[in-house]
Amino acid sequence: MGIKGIGVDVVDVTRMKHMLRDQGEAFTAKVFTEAEIAYCRSKKNPYEHFAARFAAKEAVSKALQTGWRGEFRWKDVEVMNEPSGAPKIALYGSLAKTLEGKIVHLSLSHTEHTVVAFALIEDS
């Protein structure tokens, strides 16, 4: 197994709160899957969870080492949770094909104010 890329992103929860309020449903629908939206809205502090998912998507894009060029779409990366609560990534569309045969690892950590996401892509 070899590491193909790593990515990290940090998101300010207050900034995410303002983005969600200012850009409304258009932003939410563009960036997050229906399952992510439902999950975040079910939480006591949904802004932390939206920020975590946003950071995870950014971290994956950085691990790809292509940034937002090409066929990368927000909803092609979905953050889910294992029964244990550990975050995991589901891939869709052309990104799923691009990363076929690869494993995407994700770690999230957050406080009330800041979220950090770390993604690692490796050969399976």
PDB file of N, CA and C in Angstrom:
ATOM      1  N   MET A   1       0.841  -1.189   0.000  1.00  0.00           N
ATOM      2  CA  MET A   1       0.000   0.000   0.000  1.00  0.00           C
ATOM      3  C   MET A   1       0.878   1.241   0.000  1.00  0.00           C
ATOM      4  N   GLY A   2       0.497   2.221  -0.777  1.00  0.00           N
ATOM      5  CA  GLY A   2       1.229   3.462  -0.806  1.00  0.00           C
ATOM      6  C   GLY A   2       0.301   4.652  -0.661  1.00  0.00           C
ATOM      7  N   ILE A   3       0.820   5.680  -0.044  1.00  0.00           N
ATOM      8  CA  ILE A   3       0.034   6.905   0.118  1.00  0.00           C
ATOM      9  C   ILE A   3       0.035   7.659  -1.201  1.00  0.00           C
ATOM     10  N   LYS A   4      -1.146   8.029  -1.656  1.00  0.00           N
ATOM     11  CA  LYS A   4      -1.303   8.758  -2.917  1.00  0.00           C
ATOM     12  C   LYS A   4      -1.533  10.250  -2.688  1.00  0.00           C
ATOM     13  N   GLY A   5      -1.982  10.623  -1.498  1.00  0.00           N
ATOM     14  CA  GLY A   5      -2.187  12.034  -1.208  1.00  0.00           C
ATOM     15  C   GLY A   5      -2.714  12.249   0.195  1.00  0.00           C
ATOM     16  N   ILE A   6      -2.402  13.420   0.727  1.00  0.00           N
ATOM     17  CA  ILE A   6      -2.943  13.828   2.025  1.00  0.00           C
ATOM     18  C   ILE A   6      -3.516  15.225   1.887  1.00  0.00           C
ATOM     19  N   GLY A   7      -4.489  15.525   2.699  1.00  0.00           N
ATOM     20  CA  GLY A   7      -5.086  16.859   2.683  1.00  0.00           C
ATOM     21  C   GLY A   7      -5.607  17.212   4.053  1.00  0.00           C
ATOM     22  N   VAL A   8      -5.532  18.467   4.380  1.00  0.00           N
ATOM     23  CA  VAL A   8      -6.042  18.951   5.658  1.00  0.00           C
ATOM     24  C   VAL A   8      -6.773  20.265   5.410  1.00  0.00           C
ATOM     25  N   ASP A   9      -7.810  20.514   6.179  1.00  0.00           N
ATOM     26  CA  ASP A   9      -8.532  21.778   6.073  1.00  0.00           C
ATOM     27  C   ASP A   9      -9.038  22.179   7.450  1.00  0.00           C
ATOM     28  N   VAL A  10      -9.079  23.462   7.682  1.00  0.00           N
ATOM     29  CA  VAL A  10      -9.567  24.036   8.931  1.00  0.00           C
ATOM     30  C   VAL A  10     -10.706  25.001   8.593  1.00  0.00           C
ATOM     31  N   VAL A  11     -11.813  24.872   9.309  1.00  0.00           N
ATOM     32  CA  VAL A  11     -12.978  25.733   9.066  1.00  0.00           C
ATOM     33  C   VAL A  11     -13.407  26.371  10.375  1.00  0.00           C
ATOM     34  N   ASP A  12     -13.656  27.666  10.309  1.00  0.00           N
ATOM     35  CA  ASP A  12     -14.186  28.422  11.433  1.00  0.00           C
ATOM     36  C   ASP A  12     -15.703  28.206  11.485  1.00  0.00           C
ATOM     37  N   VAL A  13     -16.223  27.720  12.598  1.00  0.00           N
ATOM     38  CA  VAL A  13     -17.646  27.397  12.717  1.00  0.00           C
ATOM     39  C   VAL A  13     -18.508  28.648  12.544  1.00  0.00           C
ATOM     40  N   THR A  14     -18.072  29.773  13.075  1.00  0.00           N
ATOM     41  CA  THR A  14     -18.845  31.017  12.927  1.00  0.00           C
ATOM     42  C   THR A  14     -18.939  31.428  11.463  1.00  0.00           C
ATOM     43  N   ARG A  15     -17.857  31.263  10.730  1.00  0.00           N
ATOM     44  CA  ARG A  15     -17.886  31.583   9.295  1.00  0.00           C
ATOM     45  C   ARG A  15     -18.882  30.675   8.568  1.00  0.00           C
ATOM     46  N   MET A  16     -18.895  29.404   8.903  1.00  0.00           N
ATOM     47  CA  MET A  16     -19.849  28.478   8.290  1.00  0.00           C
ATOM     48  C   MET A  16     -21.283  28.882   8.640  1.00  0.00           C
ATOM     49  N   LYS A  17     -21.495  29.273   9.868  1.00  0.00           N
ATOM     50  CA  LYS A  17     -22.827  29.709  10.296  1.00  0.00           C
ATOM     51  C   LYS A  17     -23.296  30.889   9.444  1.00  0.00           C
ATOM     52  N   HIS A  18     -22.403  31.853   9.209  1.00  0.00           N
ATOM     53  CA  HIS A  18     -22.747  33.009   8.383  1.00  0.00           C
ATOM     54  C   HIS A  18     -23.003  32.606   6.933  1.00  0.00           C
ATOM     55  N   MET A  19     -22.188  31.691   6.401  1.00  0.00           N
ATOM     56  CA  MET A  19     -22.390  31.228   5.022  1.00  0.00           C
ATOM     57  C   MET A  19     -23.748  30.555   4.875  1.00  0.00           C
ATOM     58  N   LEU A  20     -24.098  29.718   5.831  1.00  0.00           N
ATOM     59  CA  LEU A  20     -25.381  29.020   5.770  1.00  0.00           C
ATOM     60  C   LEU A  20     -26.549  29.998   5.876  1.00  0.00           C
ATOM     61  N   ARG A  21     -26.409  30.986   6.715  1.00  0.00           N
ATOM     62  CA  ARG A  21     -27.487  31.971   6.868  1.00  0.00           C
ATOM     63  C   ARG A  21     -27.564  32.928   5.676  1.00  0.00           C
ATOM     64  N   ASP A  22     -26.409  33.383   5.182  1.00  0.00           N
ATOM     65  CA  ASP A  22     -26.382  34.365   4.095  1.00  0.00           C
ATOM     66  C   ASP A  22     -26.730  33.754   2.746  1.00  0.00           C
ATOM     67  N   GLN A  23     -26.233  32.554   2.481  1.00  0.00           N
ATOM     68  CA  GLN A  23     -26.439  31.938   1.166  1.00  0.00           C
ATOM     69  C   GLN A  23     -27.591  30.941   1.159  1.00  0.00           C
ATOM     70  N   GLY A  24     -28.079  30.589   2.322  1.00  0.00           N
ATOM     71  CA  GLY A  24     -29.279  29.780   2.457  1.00  0.00           C
ATOM     72  C   GLY A  24     -29.256  28.431   1.782  1.00  0.00           C
ATOM     73  N   GLU A  25     -30.438  28.042   1.338  1.00  0.00           N
ATOM     74  CA  GLU A  25     -30.635  26.711   0.766  1.00  0.00           C
ATOM     75  C   GLU A  25     -29.825  26.481  -0.506  1.00  0.00           C
ATOM     76  N   ALA A  26     -29.551  27.529  -1.263  1.00  0.00           N
ATOM     77  CA  ALA A  26     -28.774  27.364  -2.499  1.00  0.00           C
ATOM     78  C   ALA A  26     -27.386  26.809  -2.169  1.00  0.00           C
ATOM     79  N   PHE A  27     -26.747  27.367  -1.146  1.00  0.00           N
ATOM     80  CA  PHE A  27     -25.424  26.891  -0.730  1.00  0.00           C
ATOM     81  C   PHE A  27     -25.520  25.475  -0.176  1.00  0.00           C
ATOM     82  N   THR A  28     -26.466  25.250   0.701  1.00  0.00           N
ATOM     83  CA  THR A  28     -26.616  23.945   1.337  1.00  0.00           C
ATOM     84  C   THR A  28     -26.846  22.862   0.287  1.00  0.00           C
ATOM     85  N   ALA A  29     -27.754  23.128  -0.653  1.00  0.00           N
ATOM     86  CA  ALA A  29     -28.078  22.141  -1.683  1.00  0.00           C
ATOM     87  C   ALA A  29     -26.923  21.910  -2.652  1.00  0.00           C
ATOM     88  N   LYS A  30     -26.092  22.917  -2.867  1.00  0.00           N
ATOM     89  CA  LYS A  30     -24.952  22.783  -3.781  1.00  0.00           C
ATOM     90  C   LYS A  30     -23.833  21.938  -3.172  1.00  0.00           C
ATOM     91  N   VAL A  31     -23.612  22.085  -1.874  1.00  0.00           N
ATOM     92  CA  VAL A  31     -22.437  21.508  -1.223  1.00  0.00           C
ATOM     93  C   VAL A  31     -22.708  20.163  -0.548  1.00  0.00           C
ATOM     94  N   PHE A  32     -23.866  20.002   0.054  1.00  0.00           N
ATOM     95  CA  PHE A  32     -24.130  18.841   0.902  1.00  0.00           C
ATOM     96  C   PHE A  32     -25.191  17.912   0.314  1.00  0.00           C
ATOM     97  N   THR A  33     -25.018  16.610   0.568  1.00  0.00           N
ATOM     98  CA  THR A  33     -26.028  15.638   0.144  1.00  0.00           C
ATOM     99  C   THR A  33     -27.234  15.742   1.078  1.00  0.00           C
ATOM    100  N   GLU A  34     -28.340  15.162   0.647  1.00  0.00           N
ATOM    101  CA  GLU A  34     -29.549  15.172   1.483  1.00  0.00           C
ATOM    102  C   GLU A  34     -29.291  14.484   2.823  1.00  0.00           C
ATOM    103  N   ALA A  35     -28.529  13.404   2.796  1.00  0.00           N
ATOM    104  CA  ALA A  35     -28.223  12.680   4.040  1.00  0.00           C
ATOM    105  C   ALA A  35     -27.370  13.541   4.977  1.00  0.00           C
ATOM    106  N   GLU A  36     -26.406  14.281   4.427  1.00  0.00           N
ATOM    107  CA  GLU A  36     -25.575  15.159   5.250  1.00  0.00           C
ATOM    108  C   GLU A  36     -26.410  16.276   5.862  1.00  0.00           C
ATOM    109  N   ILE A  37     -27.295  16.852   5.067  1.00  0.00           N
ATOM    110  CA  ILE A  37     -28.153  17.931   5.560  1.00  0.00           C
ATOM    111  C   ILE A  37     -29.031  17.426   6.701  1.00  0.00           C
ATOM    112  N   ALA A  38     -29.658  16.268   6.507  1.00  0.00           N
ATOM    113  CA  ALA A  38     -30.521  15.703   7.550  1.00  0.00           C
ATOM    114  C   ALA A  38     -29.722  15.409   8.820  1.00  0.00           C
ATOM    115  N   TYR A  39     -28.529  14.840   8.661  1.00  0.00           N
ATOM    116  CA  TYR A  39     -27.686  14.534   9.811  1.00  0.00           C
ATOM    117  C   TYR A  39     -27.334  15.810  10.585  1.00  0.00           C
ATOM    118  N   CYS A  40     -26.837  16.810   9.883  1.00  0.00           N
ATOM    119  CA  CYS A  40     -26.406  18.047  10.544  1.00  0.00           C
ATOM    120  C   CYS A  40     -27.567  18.747  11.241  1.00  0.00           C
ATOM    121  N   ARG A  41     -28.706  18.801  10.571  1.00  0.00           N
ATOM    122  CA  ARG A  41     -29.869  19.485  11.155  1.00  0.00           C
ATOM    123  C   ARG A  41     -30.440  18.745  12.352  1.00  0.00           C
ATOM    124  N   SER A  42     -30.107  17.475  12.507  1.00  0.00           N
ATOM    125  CA  SER A  42     -30.606  16.697  13.646  1.00  0.00           C
ATOM    126  C   SER A  42     -29.777  16.934  14.909  1.00  0.00           C
ATOM    127  N   LYS A  43     -28.664  17.634  14.772  1.00  0.00           N
ATOM    128  CA  LYS A  43     -27.751  17.837  15.888  1.00  0.00           C
ATOM    129  C   LYS A  43     -28.044  19.124  16.642  1.00  0.00           C
ATOM    130  N   LYS A  44     -27.620  19.148  17.907  1.00  0.00           N
ATOM    131  CA  LYS A  44     -27.824  20.327  18.761  1.00  0.00           C
ATOM    132  C   LYS A  44     -27.149  21.560  18.173  1.00  0.00           C
ATOM    133  N   ASN A  45     -25.915  21.405  17.687  1.00  0.00           N
ATOM    134  CA  ASN A  45     -25.208  22.512  17.047  1.00  0.00           C
ATOM    135  C   ASN A  45     -24.926  22.124  15.592  1.00  0.00           C
ATOM    136  N   PRO A  46     -25.896  22.335  14.705  1.00  0.00           N
ATOM    137  CA  PRO A  46     -25.724  21.899  13.319  1.00  0.00           C
ATOM    138  C   PRO A  46     -24.549  22.571  12.606  1.00  0.00           C
ATOM    139  N   TYR A  47     -24.194  23.777  13.010  1.00  0.00           N
ATOM    140  CA  TYR A  47     -23.129  24.509  12.323  1.00  0.00           C
ATOM    141  C   TYR A  47     -21.781  23.806  12.441  1.00  0.00           C
ATOM    142  N   GLU A  48     -21.499  23.210  13.597  1.00  0.00           N
ATOM    143  CA  GLU A  48     -20.261  22.445  13.773  1.00  0.00           C
ATOM    144  C   GLU A  48     -20.219  21.275  12.796  1.00  0.00           C
ATOM    145  N   HIS A  49     -21.343  20.627  12.620  1.00  0.00           N
ATOM    146  CA  HIS A  49     -21.399  19.434  11.775  1.00  0.00           C
ATOM    147  C   HIS A  49     -21.342  19.789  10.293  1.00  0.00           C
ATOM    148  N   PHE A  50     -21.998  20.882   9.922  1.00  0.00           N
ATOM    149  CA  PHE A  50     -21.862  21.359   8.541  1.00  0.00           C
ATOM    150  C   PHE A  50     -20.409  21.750   8.264  1.00  0.00           C
ATOM    151  N   ALA A  51     -19.790  22.442   9.216  1.00  0.00           N
ATOM    152  CA  ALA A  51     -18.392  22.858   9.052  1.00  0.00           C
ATOM    153  C   ALA A  51     -17.476  21.646   8.925  1.00  0.00           C
ATOM    154  N   ALA A  52     -17.738  20.595   9.699  1.00  0.00           N
ATOM    155  CA  ALA A  52     -16.915  19.384   9.634  1.00  0.00           C
ATOM    156  C   ALA A  52     -17.029  18.727   8.263  1.00  0.00           C
ATOM    157  N   ARG A  53     -18.224  18.659   7.733  1.00  0.00           N
ATOM    158  CA  ARG A  53     -18.416  18.042   6.422  1.00  0.00           C
ATOM    159  C   ARG A  53     -17.803  18.884   5.312  1.00  0.00           C
ATOM    160  N   PHE A  54     -17.912  20.189   5.431  1.00  0.00           N
ATOM    161  CA  PHE A  54     -17.283  21.081   4.455  1.00  0.00           C
ATOM    162  C   PHE A  54     -15.766  20.902   4.482  1.00  0.00           C
ATOM    163  N   ALA A  55     -15.189  20.879   5.687  1.00  0.00           N
ATOM    164  CA  ALA A  55     -13.739  20.700   5.829  1.00  0.00           C
ATOM    165  C   ALA A  55     -13.296  19.351   5.273  1.00  0.00           C
ATOM    166  N   ALA A  56     -14.094  18.318   5.492  1.00  0.00           N
ATOM    167  CA  ALA A  56     -13.750  16.984   4.982  1.00  0.00           C
ATOM    168  C   ALA A  56     -13.698  16.982   3.455  1.00  0.00           C
ATOM    169  N   LYS A  57     -14.670  17.625   2.824  1.00  0.00           N
ATOM    170  CA  LYS A  57     -14.693  17.694   1.361  1.00  0.00           C
ATOM    171  C   LYS A  57     -13.469  18.449   0.838  1.00  0.00           C
ATOM    172  N   GLU A  58     -13.124  19.538   1.496  1.00  0.00           N
ATOM    173  CA  GLU A  58     -11.931  20.304   1.119  1.00  0.00           C
ATOM    174  C   GLU A  58     -10.664  19.471   1.312  1.00  0.00           C
ATOM    175  N   ALA A  59     -10.580  18.740   2.413  1.00  0.00           N
ATOM    176  CA  ALA A  59      -9.403  17.912   2.678  1.00  0.00           C
ATOM    177  C   ALA A  59      -9.253  16.823   1.615  1.00  0.00           C
ATOM    178  N   VAL A  60     -10.364  16.226   1.205  1.00  0.00           N
ATOM    179  CA  VAL A  60     -10.303  15.209   0.156  1.00  0.00           C
ATOM    180  C   VAL A  60      -9.838  15.835  -1.153  1.00  0.00           C
ATOM    181  N   SER A  61     -10.341  17.026  -1.465  1.00  0.00           N
ATOM    182  CA  SER A  61      -9.912  17.680  -2.714  1.00  0.00           C
ATOM    183  C   SER A  61      -8.419  17.975  -2.686  1.00  0.00           C
ATOM    184  N   LYS A  62      -7.902  18.327  -1.538  1.00  0.00           N
ATOM    185  CA  LYS A  62      -6.458  18.588  -1.410  1.00  0.00           C
ATOM    186  C   LYS A  62      -5.664  17.292  -1.512  1.00  0.00           C
ATOM    187  N   ALA A  63      -6.192  16.217  -0.957  1.00  0.00           N
ATOM    188  CA  ALA A  63      -5.508  14.924  -1.047  1.00  0.00           C
ATOM    189  C   ALA A  63      -5.446  14.428  -2.488  1.00  0.00           C
ATOM    190  N   LEU A  64      -6.422  14.820  -3.286  1.00  0.00           N
ATOM    191  CA  LEU A  64      -6.421  14.453  -4.709  1.00  0.00           C
ATOM    192  C   LEU A  64      -5.303  15.156  -5.468  1.00  0.00           C
ATOM    193  N   GLN A  65      -4.817  16.240  -4.919  1.00  0.00           N
ATOM    194  CA  GLN A  65      -3.743  17.044  -5.508  1.00  0.00           C
ATOM    195  C   GLN A  65      -4.143  17.676  -6.833  1.00  0.00           C
ATOM    196  N   THR A  66      -5.442  17.816  -7.040  1.00  0.00           N
ATOM    197  CA  THR A  66      -5.928  18.493  -8.244  1.00  0.00           C
ATOM    198  C   THR A  66      -6.757  19.718  -7.892  1.00  0.00           C
ATOM    199  N   GLY A  67      -7.051  19.876  -6.598  1.00  0.00           N
ATOM    200  CA  GLY A  67      -7.914  20.979  -6.182  1.00  0.00           C
ATOM    201  C   GLY A  67      -9.288  20.824  -6.797  1.00  0.00           C
ATOM    202  N   TRP A  68      -9.888  21.938  -7.138  1.00  0.00           N
ATOM    203  CA  TRP A  68     -11.255  21.920  -7.673  1.00  0.00           C
ATOM    204  C   TRP A  68     -11.264  21.882  -9.196  1.00  0.00           C
ATOM    205  N   ARG A  69     -10.107  21.713  -9.819  1.00  0.00           N
ATOM    206  CA  ARG A  69     -10.066  21.591 -11.269  1.00  0.00           C
ATOM    207  C   ARG A  69     -10.668  20.261 -11.694  1.00  0.00           C
ATOM    208  N   GLY A  70     -11.121  20.211 -12.893  1.00  0.00           N
ATOM    209  CA  GLY A  70     -11.600  18.951 -13.441  1.00  0.00           C
ATOM    210  C   GLY A  70     -13.000  18.614 -13.005  1.00  0.00           C
ATOM    211  N   GLU A  71     -13.207  17.360 -12.671  1.00  0.00           N
ATOM    212  CA  GLU A  71     -14.552  16.848 -12.457  1.00  0.00           C
ATOM    213  C   GLU A  71     -14.968  16.763 -10.999  1.00  0.00           C
ATOM    214  N   PHE A  72     -14.212  17.335 -10.098  1.00  0.00           N
ATOM    215  CA  PHE A  72     -14.542  17.245  -8.672  1.00  0.00           C
ATOM    216  C   PHE A  72     -15.803  18.052  -8.382  1.00  0.00           C
ATOM    217  N   ARG A  73     -16.783  17.387  -7.773  1.00  0.00           N
ATOM    218  CA  ARG A  73     -18.020  18.059  -7.374  1.00  0.00           C
ATOM    219  C   ARG A  73     -18.246  17.829  -5.886  1.00  0.00           C
ATOM    220  N   TRP A  74     -18.792  18.841  -5.227  1.00  0.00           N
ATOM    221  CA  TRP A  74     -19.014  18.779  -3.781  1.00  0.00           C
ATOM    222  C   TRP A  74     -19.728  17.504  -3.355  1.00  0.00           C
ATOM    223  N   LYS A  75     -20.822  17.191  -4.038  1.00  0.00           N
ATOM    224  CA  LYS A  75     -21.656  16.068  -3.615  1.00  0.00           C
ATOM    225  C   LYS A  75     -21.076  14.703  -3.987  1.00  0.00           C
ATOM    226  N   ASP A  76     -19.962  14.691  -4.706  1.00  0.00           N
ATOM    227  CA  ASP A  76     -19.296  13.419  -4.992  1.00  0.00           C
ATOM    228  C   ASP A  76     -18.570  12.878  -3.767  1.00  0.00           C
ATOM    229  N   VAL A  77     -18.450  13.715  -2.737  1.00  0.00           N
ATOM    230  CA  VAL A  77     -17.848  13.311  -1.464  1.00  0.00           C
ATOM    231  C   VAL A  77     -18.926  13.456  -0.396  1.00  0.00           C
ATOM    232  N   GLU A  78     -19.264  12.356   0.227  1.00  0.00           N
ATOM    233  CA  GLU A  78     -20.269  12.390   1.293  1.00  0.00           C
ATOM    234  C   GLU A  78     -19.639  11.871   2.578  1.00  0.00           C
ATOM    235  N   VAL A  79     -19.830  12.619   3.652  1.00  0.00           N
ATOM    236  CA  VAL A  79     -19.325  12.194   4.957  1.00  0.00           C
ATOM    237  C   VAL A  79     -20.445  11.446   5.672  1.00  0.00           C
ATOM    238  N   MET A  80     -20.112  10.239   6.068  1.00  0.00           N
ATOM    239  CA  MET A  80     -21.051   9.382   6.795  1.00  0.00           C
ATOM    240  C   MET A  80     -20.394   9.003   8.116  1.00  0.00           C
ATOM    241  N   ASN A  81     -21.129   8.267   8.917  1.00  0.00           N
ATOM    242  CA  ASN A  81     -20.566   7.806  10.185  1.00  0.00           C
ATOM    243  C   ASN A  81     -20.722   6.300  10.322  1.00  0.00           C
ATOM    244  N   GLU A  82     -19.663   5.672  10.818  1.00  0.00           N
ATOM    245  CA  GLU A  82     -19.725   4.263  11.187  1.00  0.00           C
ATOM    246  C   GLU A  82     -20.646   4.147  12.410  1.00  0.00           C
ATOM    247  N   PRO A  83     -21.151   2.951  12.705  1.00  0.00           N
ATOM    248  CA  PRO A  83     -21.966   2.792  13.922  1.00  0.00           C
ATOM    249  C   PRO A  83     -21.247   3.279  15.181  1.00  0.00           C
ATOM    250  N   SER A  84     -19.920   3.209  15.177  1.00  0.00           N
ATOM    251  CA  SER A  84     -19.133   3.677  16.323  1.00  0.00           C
ATOM    252  C   SER A  84     -19.102   5.203  16.420  1.00  0.00           C
ATOM    253  N   GLY A  85     -19.527   5.877  15.338  1.00  0.00           N
ATOM    254  CA  GLY A  85     -19.464   7.335  15.292  1.00  0.00           C
ATOM    255  C   GLY A  85     -18.297   7.845  14.470  1.00  0.00           C
ATOM    256  N   ALA A  86     -17.351   6.970  14.139  1.00  0.00           N
ATOM    257  CA  ALA A  86     -16.185   7.376  13.347  1.00  0.00           C
ATOM    258  C   ALA A  86     -16.635   7.835  11.959  1.00  0.00           C
ATOM    259  N   PRO A  87     -16.060   8.932  11.463  1.00  0.00           N
ATOM    260  CA  PRO A  87     -16.449   9.407  10.136  1.00  0.00           C
ATOM    261  C   PRO A  87     -15.843   8.543   9.038  1.00  0.00           C
ATOM    262  N   LYS A  88     -16.559   8.438   7.937  1.00  0.00           N
ATOM    263  CA  LYS A  88     -16.040   7.748   6.764  1.00  0.00           C
ATOM    264  C   LYS A  88     -16.541   8.477   5.522  1.00  0.00           C
ATOM    265  N   ILE A  89     -15.872   8.227   4.413  1.00  0.00           N
ATOM    266  CA  ILE A  89     -16.178   8.890   3.157  1.00  0.00           C
ATOM    267  C   ILE A  89     -16.869   7.915   2.208  1.00  0.00           C
ATOM    268  N   ALA A  90     -17.925   8.389   1.566  1.00  0.00           N
ATOM    269  CA  ALA A  90     -18.543   7.681   0.447  1.00  0.00           C
ATOM    270  C   ALA A  90     -18.289   8.535  -0.787  1.00  0.00           C
ATOM    271  N   LEU A  91     -17.949   7.886  -1.897  1.00  0.00           N
ATOM    272  CA  LEU A  91     -17.636   8.601  -3.133  1.00  0.00           C
ATOM    273  C   LEU A  91     -18.656   8.270  -4.210  1.00  0.00           C
ATOM    274  N   TYR A  92     -18.959   9.265  -5.048  1.00  0.00           N
ATOM    275  CA  TYR A  92     -19.937   9.099  -6.109  1.00  0.00           C
ATOM    276  C   TYR A  92     -19.407   9.694  -7.412  1.00  0.00           C
ATOM    277  N   GLY A  93     -20.117   9.412  -8.493  1.00  0.00           N
ATOM    278  CA  GLY A  93     -19.817  10.025  -9.781  1.00  0.00           C
ATOM    279  C   GLY A  93     -18.433   9.699 -10.298  1.00  0.00           C
ATOM    280  N   SER A  94     -17.882  10.652 -11.028  1.00  0.00           N
ATOM    281  CA  SER A  94     -16.570  10.440 -11.638  1.00  0.00           C
ATOM    282  C   SER A  94     -15.470  10.301 -10.585  1.00  0.00           C
ATOM    283  N   LEU A  95     -15.673  10.897  -9.419  1.00  0.00           N
ATOM    284  CA  LEU A  95     -14.676  10.780  -8.359  1.00  0.00           C
ATOM    285  C   LEU A  95     -14.565   9.334  -7.869  1.00  0.00           C
ATOM    286  N   ALA A  96     -15.690   8.641  -7.796  1.00  0.00           N
ATOM    287  CA  ALA A  96     -15.670   7.233  -7.397  1.00  0.00           C
ATOM    288  C   ALA A  96     -14.849   6.414  -8.394  1.00  0.00           C
ATOM    289  N   LYS A  97     -14.969   6.748  -9.674  1.00  0.00           N
ATOM    290  CA  LYS A  97     -14.174   6.045 -10.695  1.00  0.00           C
ATOM    291  C   LYS A  97     -12.702   6.411 -10.581  1.00  0.00           C
ATOM    292  N   THR A  98     -12.427   7.693 -10.371  1.00  0.00           N
ATOM    293  CA  THR A  98     -11.042   8.150 -10.239  1.00  0.00           C
ATOM    294  C   THR A  98     -10.338   7.461  -9.080  1.00  0.00           C
ATOM    295  N   LEU A  99     -11.058   7.259  -7.987  1.00  0.00           N
ATOM    296  CA  LEU A  99     -10.451   6.674  -6.785  1.00  0.00           C
ATOM    297  C   LEU A  99     -10.770   5.194  -6.606  1.00  0.00           C
ATOM    298  N   GLU A 100     -11.230   4.556  -7.673  1.00  0.00           N
ATOM    299  CA  GLU A 100     -11.490   3.121  -7.611  1.00  0.00           C
ATOM    300  C   GLU A 100     -10.199   2.388  -7.254  1.00  0.00           C
ATOM    301  N   GLY A 101     -10.292   1.472  -6.315  1.00  0.00           N
ATOM    302  CA  GLY A 101      -9.110   0.741  -5.873  1.00  0.00           C
ATOM    303  C   GLY A 101      -8.296   1.482  -4.829  1.00  0.00           C
ATOM    304  N   LYS A 102      -8.771   2.619  -4.376  1.00  0.00           N
ATOM    305  CA  LYS A 102      -8.082   3.406  -3.347  1.00  0.00           C
ATOM    306  C   LYS A 102      -8.937   3.412  -2.074  1.00  0.00           C
ATOM    307  N   ILE A 103      -8.296   3.681  -0.975  1.00  0.00           N
ATOM    308  CA  ILE A 103      -8.986   3.845   0.303  1.00  0.00           C
ATOM    309  C   ILE A 103      -8.827   5.303   0.721  1.00  0.00           C
ATOM    310  N   VAL A 104      -9.931   5.921   1.118  1.00  0.00           N
ATOM    311  CA  VAL A 104      -9.882   7.302   1.613  1.00  0.00           C
ATOM    312  C   VAL A 104     -10.148   7.261   3.108  1.00  0.00           C
ATOM    313  N   HIS A 105      -9.147   7.664   3.877  1.00  0.00           N
ATOM    314  CA  HIS A 105      -9.277   7.729   5.329  1.00  0.00           C
ATOM    315  C   HIS A 105      -9.620   9.164   5.712  1.00  0.00           C
ATOM    316  N   LEU A 106     -10.413   9.312   6.769  1.00  0.00           N
ATOM    317  CA  LEU A 106     -10.822  10.638   7.216  1.00  0.00           C
ATOM    318  C   LEU A 106     -10.777  10.718   8.732  1.00  0.00           C
ATOM    319  N   SER A 107     -10.236  11.826   9.221  1.00  0.00           N
ATOM    320  CA  SER A 107     -10.280  12.123  10.644  1.00  0.00           C
ATOM    321  C   SER A 107     -10.823  13.539  10.803  1.00  0.00           C
ATOM    322  N   LEU A 108     -11.769  13.698  11.707  1.00  0.00           N
ATOM    323  CA  LEU A 108     -12.361  15.005  12.003  1.00  0.00           C
ATOM    324  C   LEU A 108     -12.203  15.307  13.482  1.00  0.00           C
ATOM    325  N   SER A 109     -11.973  16.568  13.771  1.00  0.00           N
ATOM    326  CA  SER A 109     -11.927  17.009  15.157  1.00  0.00           C
ATOM    327  C   SER A 109     -12.508  18.409  15.207  1.00  0.00           C
ATOM    328  N   HIS A 110     -13.307  18.679  16.218  1.00  0.00           N
ATOM    329  CA  HIS A 110     -13.851  20.035  16.302  1.00  0.00           C
ATOM    330  C   HIS A 110     -14.132  20.460  17.733  1.00  0.00           C
ATOM    331  N   THR A 111     -14.085  21.772  17.869  1.00  0.00           N
ATOM    332  CA  THR A 111     -14.493  22.427  19.099  1.00  0.00           C
ATOM    333  C   THR A 111     -15.726  23.251  18.739  1.00  0.00           C
ATOM    334  N   GLU A 112     -16.178  24.026  19.648  1.00  0.00           N
ATOM    335  CA  GLU A 112     -17.317  24.901  19.387  1.00  0.00           C
ATOM    336  C   GLU A 112     -17.003  25.915  18.290  1.00  0.00           C
ATOM    337  N   HIS A 113     -15.710  26.240  18.097  1.00  0.00           N
ATOM    338  CA  HIS A 113     -15.332  27.308  17.179  1.00  0.00           C
ATOM    339  C   HIS A 113     -14.559  26.879  15.938  1.00  0.00           C
ATOM    340  N   THR A 114     -13.881  25.736  15.988  1.00  0.00           N
ATOM    341  CA  THR A 114     -12.975  25.354  14.905  1.00  0.00           C
ATOM    342  C   THR A 114     -13.114  23.876  14.576  1.00  0.00           C
ATOM    343  N   VAL A 115     -13.028  23.567  13.280  1.00  0.00           N
ATOM    344  CA  VAL A 115     -13.065  22.187  12.804  1.00  0.00           C
ATOM    345  C   VAL A 115     -11.794  21.914  12.006  1.00  0.00           C
ATOM    346  N   VAL A 116     -11.224  20.726  12.201  1.00  0.00           N
ATOM    347  CA  VAL A 116     -10.089  20.271  11.415  1.00  0.00           C
ATOM    348  C   VAL A 116     -10.445  18.946  10.771  1.00  0.00           C
ATOM    349  N   ALA A 117     -10.154  18.817   9.476  1.00  0.00           N
ATOM    350  CA  ALA A 117     -10.355  17.556   8.773  1.00  0.00           C
ATOM    351  C   ALA A 117      -9.036  17.136   8.139  1.00  0.00           C
ATOM    352  N   PHE A 118      -8.742  15.856   8.233  1.00  0.00           N
ATOM    353  CA  PHE A 118      -7.533  15.287   7.631  1.00  0.00           C
ATOM    354  C   PHE A 118      -7.955  14.102   6.779  1.00  0.00           C
ATOM    355  N   ALA A 119      -7.544  14.107   5.512  1.00  0.00           N
ATOM    356  CA  ALA A 119      -7.867  13.009   4.593  1.00  0.00           C
ATOM    357  C   ALA A 119      -6.571  12.411   4.067  1.00  0.00           C
ATOM    358  N   LEU A 120      -6.564  11.103   3.906  1.00  0.00           N
ATOM    359  CA  LEU A 120      -5.421  10.389   3.357  1.00  0.00           C
ATOM    360  C   LEU A 120      -5.956   9.399   2.321  1.00  0.00           C
ATOM    361  N   ILE A 121      -5.358   9.410   1.146  1.00  0.00           N
ATOM    362  CA  ILE A 121      -5.733   8.478   0.085  1.00  0.00           C
ATOM    363  C   ILE A 121      -4.583   7.500  -0.100  1.00  0.00           C
ATOM    364  N   GLU A 122      -4.903   6.192  -0.075  1.00  0.00           N
ATOM    365  CA  GLU A 122      -3.875   5.182  -0.273  1.00  0.00           C
ATOM    366  C   GLU A 122      -4.392   4.088  -1.190  1.00  0.00           C
ATOM    367  N   ASP A 123      -3.450   3.364  -1.786  1.00  0.00           N
ATOM    368  CA  ASP A 123      -3.805   2.190  -2.575  1.00  0.00           C
ATOM    369  C   ASP A 123      -4.361   1.131  -1.656  1.00  0.00           C
ATOM    370  N   SER A 124      -5.317   0.365  -2.160  1.00  0.00           N
ATOM    371  CA  SER A 124      -5.871  -0.722  -1.332  1.00  0.00           C
ATOM    372  C   SER A 124      -5.077  -1.994  -1.529  1.00  0.00           C
TER     373      SER A 124
END
